[in-house]
Amino acid sequence: MVRNWLGIAAISILSLLLLVIVAMQVTGLIDVLAPIADTGLQQWTVIGVLAIAVLAIAGWGWSAILS
């Protein structure tokens, strides 16, 4: 049971971290993606890839919890 809750906690932390980074990136407070993405389209592509990775980890975690 503790392992399941740790999985949920890890997914929540990753999701909130991604949300905070995206919010600060969009508002211009930080420019984390500058070394790897110059244009706006490249930055949104990187954000999309990160979001898909978080969703994949969340799906894997939920499937482990439900089974």
PDB file of N, CA and C in Angstrom:
ATOM      1  N   MET A   1       0.824  -1.188   0.000  1.00  0.00           N
ATOM      2  CA  MET A   1       0.000   0.000   0.000  1.00  0.00           C
ATOM      3  C   MET A   1       0.871   1.255   0.000  1.00  0.00           C
ATOM      4  N   VAL A   2       1.933   1.248   0.763  1.00  0.00           N
ATOM      5  CA  VAL A   2       2.834   2.406   0.819  1.00  0.00           C
ATOM      6  C   VAL A   2       3.476   2.628  -0.543  1.00  0.00           C
ATOM      7  N   ARG A   3       3.818   1.542  -1.220  1.00  0.00           N
ATOM      8  CA  ARG A   3       4.428   1.651  -2.544  1.00  0.00           C
ATOM      9  C   ARG A   3       3.477   2.336  -3.526  1.00  0.00           C
ATOM     10  N   ASN A   4       2.194   2.032  -3.434  1.00  0.00           N
ATOM     11  CA  ASN A   4       1.209   2.671  -4.305  1.00  0.00           C
ATOM     12  C   ASN A   4       1.139   4.167  -4.040  1.00  0.00           C
ATOM     13  N   TRP A   5       1.136   4.551  -2.771  1.00  0.00           N
ATOM     14  CA  TRP A   5       1.061   5.971  -2.439  1.00  0.00           C
ATOM     15  C   TRP A   5       2.335   6.702  -2.841  1.00  0.00           C
ATOM     16  N   LEU A   6       3.478   6.036  -2.779  1.00  0.00           N
ATOM     17  CA  LEU A   6       4.723   6.656  -3.239  1.00  0.00           C
ATOM     18  C   LEU A   6       4.686   6.883  -4.742  1.00  0.00           C
ATOM     19  N   GLY A   7       4.097   5.952  -5.471  1.00  0.00           N
ATOM     20  CA  GLY A   7       3.941   6.132  -6.914  1.00  0.00           C
ATOM     21  C   GLY A   7       3.062   7.317  -7.240  1.00  0.00           C
ATOM     22  N   ILE A   8       1.966   7.464  -6.536  1.00  0.00           N
ATOM     23  CA  ILE A   8       1.069   8.608  -6.740  1.00  0.00           C
ATOM     24  C   ILE A   8       1.790   9.907  -6.385  1.00  0.00           C
ATOM     25  N   ALA A   9       2.550   9.889  -5.317  1.00  0.00           N
ATOM     26  CA  ALA A   9       3.291  11.091  -4.910  1.00  0.00           C
ATOM     27  C   ALA A   9       4.323  11.478  -5.968  1.00  0.00           C
ATOM     28  N   ALA A  10       5.036  10.509  -6.509  1.00  0.00           N
ATOM     29  CA  ALA A  10       6.044  10.801  -7.532  1.00  0.00           C
ATOM     30  C   ALA A  10       5.400  11.389  -8.785  1.00  0.00           C
ATOM     31  N   ILE A  11       4.278  10.831  -9.189  1.00  0.00           N
ATOM     32  CA  ILE A  11       3.575  11.341 -10.362  1.00  0.00           C
ATOM     33  C   ILE A  11       3.077  12.765 -10.103  1.00  0.00           C
ATOM     34  N   SER A  12       2.562  13.013  -8.919  1.00  0.00           N
ATOM     35  CA  SER A  12       2.078  14.351  -8.579  1.00  0.00           C
ATOM     36  C   SER A  12       3.207  15.367  -8.573  1.00  0.00           C
ATOM     37  N   ILE A  13       4.327  14.995  -8.022  1.00  0.00           N
ATOM     38  CA  ILE A  13       5.471  15.905  -7.968  1.00  0.00           C
ATOM     39  C   ILE A  13       5.968  16.223  -9.371  1.00  0.00           C
ATOM     40  N   LEU A  14       6.099  15.214 -10.227  1.00  0.00           N
ATOM     41  CA  LEU A  14       6.551  15.451 -11.602  1.00  0.00           C
ATOM     42  C   LEU A  14       5.567  16.327 -12.367  1.00  0.00           C
ATOM     43  N   SER A  15       4.276  16.081 -12.180  1.00  0.00           N
ATOM     44  CA  SER A  15       3.258  16.878 -12.870  1.00  0.00           C
ATOM     45  C   SER A  15       3.303  18.333 -12.431  1.00  0.00           C
ATOM     46  N   LEU A  16       3.375  18.560 -11.138  1.00  0.00           N
ATOM     47  CA  LEU A  16       3.425  19.942 -10.643  1.00  0.00           C
ATOM     48  C   LEU A  16       4.714  20.650 -11.034  1.00  0.00           C
ATOM     49  N   LEU A  17       5.823  19.930 -11.044  1.00  0.00           N
ATOM     50  CA  LEU A  17       7.092  20.524 -11.472  1.00  0.00           C
ATOM     51  C   LEU A  17       7.020  20.931 -12.934  1.00  0.00           C
ATOM     52  N   LEU A  18       6.474  20.080 -13.780  1.00  0.00           N
ATOM     53  CA  LEU A  18       6.316  20.416 -15.194  1.00  0.00           C
ATOM     54  C   LEU A  18       5.380  21.615 -15.360  1.00  0.00           C
ATOM     55  N   LEU A  19       4.290  21.649 -14.607  1.00  0.00           N
ATOM     56  CA  LEU A  19       3.350  22.758 -14.686  1.00  0.00           C
ATOM     57  C   LEU A  19       4.007  24.081 -14.296  1.00  0.00           C
ATOM     58  N   VAL A  20       4.796  24.068 -13.244  1.00  0.00           N
ATOM     59  CA  VAL A  20       5.471  25.293 -12.789  1.00  0.00           C
ATOM     60  C   VAL A  20       6.500  25.753 -13.814  1.00  0.00           C
ATOM     61  N   ILE A  21       7.270  24.831 -14.359  1.00  0.00           N
ATOM     62  CA  ILE A  21       8.278  25.197 -15.362  1.00  0.00           C
ATOM     63  C   ILE A  21       7.616  25.764 -16.608  1.00  0.00           C
ATOM     64  N   VAL A  22       6.536  25.139 -17.058  1.00  0.00           N
ATOM     65  CA  VAL A  22       5.821  25.639 -18.238  1.00  0.00           C
ATOM     66  C   VAL A  22       5.237  27.021 -17.964  1.00  0.00           C
ATOM     67  N   ALA A  23       4.636  27.216 -16.807  1.00  0.00           N
ATOM     68  CA  ALA A  23       4.053  28.518 -16.485  1.00  0.00           C
ATOM     69  C   ALA A  23       5.115  29.611 -16.444  1.00  0.00           C
ATOM     70  N   MET A  24       6.261  29.334 -15.847  1.00  0.00           N
ATOM     71  CA  MET A  24       7.326  30.335 -15.790  1.00  0.00           C
ATOM     72  C   MET A  24       7.947  30.558 -17.167  1.00  0.00           C
ATOM     73  N   GLN A  25       8.029  29.515 -17.973  1.00  0.00           N
ATOM     74  CA  GLN A  25       8.577  29.640 -19.320  1.00  0.00           C
ATOM     75  C   GLN A  25       7.661  30.497 -20.195  1.00  0.00           C
ATOM     76  N   VAL A  26       6.353  30.253 -20.115  1.00  0.00           N
ATOM     77  CA  VAL A  26       5.395  30.984 -20.951  1.00  0.00           C
ATOM     78  C   VAL A  26       5.328  32.457 -20.563  1.00  0.00           C
ATOM     79  N   THR A  27       5.391  32.754 -19.279  1.00  0.00           N
ATOM     80  CA  THR A  27       5.321  34.149 -18.842  1.00  0.00           C
ATOM     81  C   THR A  27       6.640  34.888 -18.997  1.00  0.00           C
ATOM     82  N   GLY A  28       7.716  34.183 -19.268  1.00  0.00           N
ATOM     83  CA  GLY A  28       9.006  34.827 -19.499  1.00  0.00           C
ATOM     84  C   GLY A  28       9.846  35.007 -18.257  1.00  0.00           C
ATOM     85  N   LEU A  29       9.455  34.415 -17.148  1.00  0.00           N
ATOM     86  CA  LEU A  29      10.258  34.543 -15.925  1.00  0.00           C
ATOM     87  C   LEU A  29      11.579  33.791 -16.030  1.00  0.00           C
ATOM     88  N   ILE A  30      11.563  32.677 -16.733  1.00  0.00           N
ATOM     89  CA  ILE A  30      12.780  31.900 -16.936  1.00  0.00           C
ATOM     90  C   ILE A  30      12.882  31.545 -18.416  1.00  0.00           C
ATOM     91  N   ASP A  31      14.064  31.156 -18.842  1.00  0.00           N
ATOM     92  CA  ASP A  31      14.268  30.716 -20.223  1.00  0.00           C
ATOM     93  C   ASP A  31      15.079  29.423 -20.198  1.00  0.00           C
ATOM     94  N   VAL A  32      14.482  28.395 -19.620  1.00  0.00           N
ATOM     95  CA  VAL A  32      15.150  27.109 -19.440  1.00  0.00           C
ATOM     96  C   VAL A  32      15.420  26.428 -20.776  1.00  0.00           C
ATOM     97  N   LEU A  33      14.523  26.612 -21.723  1.00  0.00           N
ATOM     98  CA  LEU A  33      14.620  25.887 -22.983  1.00  0.00           C
ATOM     99  C   LEU A  33      15.512  26.571 -24.013  1.00  0.00           C
ATOM    100  N   ALA A  34      16.125  27.688 -23.684  1.00  0.00           N
ATOM    101  CA  ALA A  34      16.950  28.432 -24.634  1.00  0.00           C
ATOM    102  C   ALA A  34      18.095  27.609 -25.223  1.00  0.00           C
ATOM    103  N   PRO A  35      18.806  26.781 -24.458  1.00  0.00           N
ATOM    104  CA  PRO A  35      19.913  26.033 -25.061  1.00  0.00           C
ATOM    105  C   PRO A  35      19.475  24.986 -26.095  1.00  0.00           C
ATOM    106  N   ILE A  36      18.251  24.488 -25.989  1.00  0.00           N
ATOM    107  CA  ILE A  36      17.837  23.416 -26.902  1.00  0.00           C
ATOM    108  C   ILE A  36      16.734  23.823 -27.865  1.00  0.00           C
ATOM    109  N   ALA A  37      16.037  24.931 -27.626  1.00  0.00           N
ATOM    110  CA  ALA A  37      14.934  25.354 -28.485  1.00  0.00           C
ATOM    111  C   ALA A  37      14.951  26.870 -28.627  1.00  0.00           C
ATOM    112  N   ASP A  38      15.127  27.332 -29.868  1.00  0.00           N
ATOM    113  CA  ASP A  38      15.211  28.768 -30.105  1.00  0.00           C
ATOM    114  C   ASP A  38      13.856  29.399 -30.389  1.00  0.00           C
ATOM    115  N   THR A  39      13.066  28.778 -31.249  1.00  0.00           N
ATOM    116  CA  THR A  39      11.795  29.374 -31.647  1.00  0.00           C
ATOM    117  C   THR A  39      10.667  28.922 -30.723  1.00  0.00           C
ATOM    118  N   GLY A  40       9.536  29.599 -30.843  1.00  0.00           N
ATOM    119  CA  GLY A  40       8.378  29.240 -30.031  1.00  0.00           C
ATOM    120  C   GLY A  40       7.859  27.849 -30.332  1.00  0.00           C
ATOM    121  N   LEU A  41       7.879  27.468 -31.620  1.00  0.00           N
ATOM    122  CA  LEU A  41       7.413  26.136 -31.997  1.00  0.00           C
ATOM    123  C   LEU A  41       8.299  25.045 -31.390  1.00  0.00           C
ATOM    124  N   GLN A  42       9.595  25.259 -31.393  1.00  0.00           N
ATOM    125  CA  GLN A  42      10.510  24.288 -30.785  1.00  0.00           C
ATOM    126  C   GLN A  42      10.274  24.189 -29.283  1.00  0.00           C
ATOM    127  N   GLN A  43      10.028  25.310 -28.633  1.00  0.00           N
ATOM    128  CA  GLN A  43       9.773  25.286 -27.190  1.00  0.00           C
ATOM    129  C   GLN A  43       8.486  24.538 -26.880  1.00  0.00           C
ATOM    130  N   TRP A  44       7.427  24.770 -27.660  1.00  0.00           N
ATOM    131  CA  TRP A  44       6.171  24.054 -27.429  1.00  0.00           C
ATOM    132  C   TRP A  44       6.328  22.570 -27.728  1.00  0.00           C
ATOM    133  N   THR A  45       7.193  22.230 -28.679  1.00  0.00           N
ATOM    134  CA  THR A  45       7.455  20.815 -28.970  1.00  0.00           C
ATOM    135  C   THR A  45       8.133  20.146 -27.776  1.00  0.00           C
ATOM    136  N   VAL A  46       9.111  20.815 -27.192  1.00  0.00           N
ATOM    137  CA  VAL A  46       9.794  20.269 -26.016  1.00  0.00           C
ATOM    138  C   VAL A  46       8.809  20.128 -24.853  1.00  0.00           C
ATOM    139  N   ILE A  47       7.962  21.122 -24.649  1.00  0.00           N
ATOM    140  CA  ILE A  47       6.961  21.055 -23.581  1.00  0.00           C
ATOM    141  C   ILE A  47       6.002  19.899 -23.835  1.00  0.00           C
ATOM    142  N   GLY A  48       5.596  19.711 -25.090  1.00  0.00           N
ATOM    143  CA  GLY A  48       4.713  18.601 -25.437  1.00  0.00           C
ATOM    144  C   GLY A  48       5.339  17.243 -25.175  1.00  0.00           C
ATOM    145  N   VAL A  49       6.613  17.108 -25.514  1.00  0.00           N
ATOM    146  CA  VAL A  49       7.332  15.847 -25.259  1.00  0.00           C
ATOM    147  C   VAL A  49       7.419  15.578 -23.760  1.00  0.00           C
ATOM    148  N   LEU A  50       7.711  16.613 -22.982  1.00  0.00           N
ATOM    149  CA  LEU A  50       7.761  16.452 -21.525  1.00  0.00           C
ATOM    150  C   LEU A  50       6.399  16.072 -20.955  1.00  0.00           C
ATOM    151  N   ALA A  51       5.332  16.676 -21.492  1.00  0.00           N
ATOM    152  CA  ALA A  51       3.986  16.348 -21.029  1.00  0.00           C
ATOM    153  C   ALA A  51       3.629  14.900 -21.368  1.00  0.00           C
ATOM    154  N   ILE A  52       4.002  14.443 -22.555  1.00  0.00           N
ATOM    155  CA  ILE A  52       3.750  13.049 -22.935  1.00  0.00           C
ATOM    156  C   ILE A  52       4.528  12.100 -22.035  1.00  0.00           C
ATOM    157  N   ALA A  53       5.764  12.473 -21.690  1.00  0.00           N
ATOM    158  CA  ALA A  53       6.560  11.629 -20.791  1.00  0.00           C
ATOM    159  C   ALA A  53       5.908  11.534 -19.411  1.00  0.00           C
ATOM    160  N   VAL A  54       5.412  12.649 -18.895  1.00  0.00           N
ATOM    161  CA  VAL A  54       4.736  12.624 -17.593  1.00  0.00           C
ATOM    162  C   VAL A  54       3.468  11.779 -17.669  1.00  0.00           C
ATOM    163  N   LEU A  55       2.709  11.913 -18.759  1.00  0.00           N
ATOM    164  CA  LEU A  55       1.504  11.095 -18.926  1.00  0.00           C
ATOM    165  C   LEU A  55       1.835   9.610 -19.031  1.00  0.00           C
ATOM    166  N   ALA A  56       2.932   9.285 -19.698  1.00  0.00           N
ATOM    167  CA  ALA A  56       3.341   7.883 -19.798  1.00  0.00           C
ATOM    168  C   ALA A  56       3.723   7.327 -18.429  1.00  0.00           C
ATOM    169  N   ILE A  57       4.451   8.105 -17.655  1.00  0.00           N
ATOM    170  CA  ILE A  57       4.819   7.670 -16.304  1.00  0.00           C
ATOM    171  C   ILE A  57       3.574   7.538 -15.432  1.00  0.00           C
ATOM    172  N   ALA A  58       2.638   8.486 -15.589  1.00  0.00           N
ATOM    173  CA  ALA A  58       1.400   8.414 -14.806  1.00  0.00           C
ATOM    174  C   ALA A  58       0.587   7.181 -15.191  1.00  0.00           C
ATOM    175  N   GLY A  59       0.489   6.882 -16.472  1.00  0.00           N
ATOM    176  CA  GLY A  59      -0.238   5.693 -16.909  1.00  0.00           C
ATOM    177  C   GLY A  59       0.384   4.425 -16.409  1.00  0.00           C
ATOM    178  N   TRP A  60       1.716   4.360 -16.443  1.00  0.00           N
ATOM    179  CA  TRP A  60       2.431   3.197 -15.938  1.00  0.00           C
ATOM    180  C   TRP A  60       2.206   3.051 -14.434  1.00  0.00           C
ATOM    181  N   GLY A  61       2.232   4.174 -13.729  1.00  0.00           N
ATOM    182  CA  GLY A  61       2.014   4.130 -12.276  1.00  0.00           C
ATOM    183  C   GLY A  61       0.599   3.705 -11.920  1.00  0.00           C
ATOM    184  N   TRP A  62      -0.383   4.219 -12.640  1.00  0.00           N
ATOM    185  CA  TRP A  62      -1.778   3.871 -12.361  1.00  0.00           C
ATOM    186  C   TRP A  62      -2.055   2.410 -12.703  1.00  0.00           C
ATOM    187  N   SER A  63      -1.440   1.905 -13.785  1.00  0.00           N
ATOM    188  CA  SER A  63      -1.662   0.501 -14.120  1.00  0.00           C
ATOM    189  C   SER A  63      -1.053  -0.414 -13.056  1.00  0.00           C
ATOM    190  N   ALA A  64       0.052   0.007 -12.476  1.00  0.00           N
ATOM    191  CA  ALA A  64       0.661  -0.785 -11.402  1.00  0.00           C
ATOM    192  C   ALA A  64      -0.189  -0.738 -10.138  1.00  0.00           C
ATOM    193  N   ILE A  65      -0.835   0.411  -9.897  1.00  0.00           N
ATOM    194  CA  ILE A  65      -1.664   0.547  -8.694  1.00  0.00           C
ATOM    195  C   ILE A  65      -2.950  -0.277  -8.829  1.00  0.00           C
ATOM    196  N   LEU A  66      -3.567  -0.233 -10.019  1.00  0.00           N
ATOM    197  CA  LEU A  66      -4.850  -0.911 -10.216  1.00  0.00           C
ATOM    198  C   LEU A  66      -4.732  -2.420 -10.290  1.00  0.00           C
ATOM    199  N   SER A  67      -3.560  -2.927 -10.648  1.00  0.00           N
ATOM    200  CA  SER A  67      -3.428  -4.387 -10.766  1.00  0.00           C
ATOM    201  C   SER A  67      -2.934  -5.021  -9.501  1.00  0.00           C
TER     202      SER A  67
END
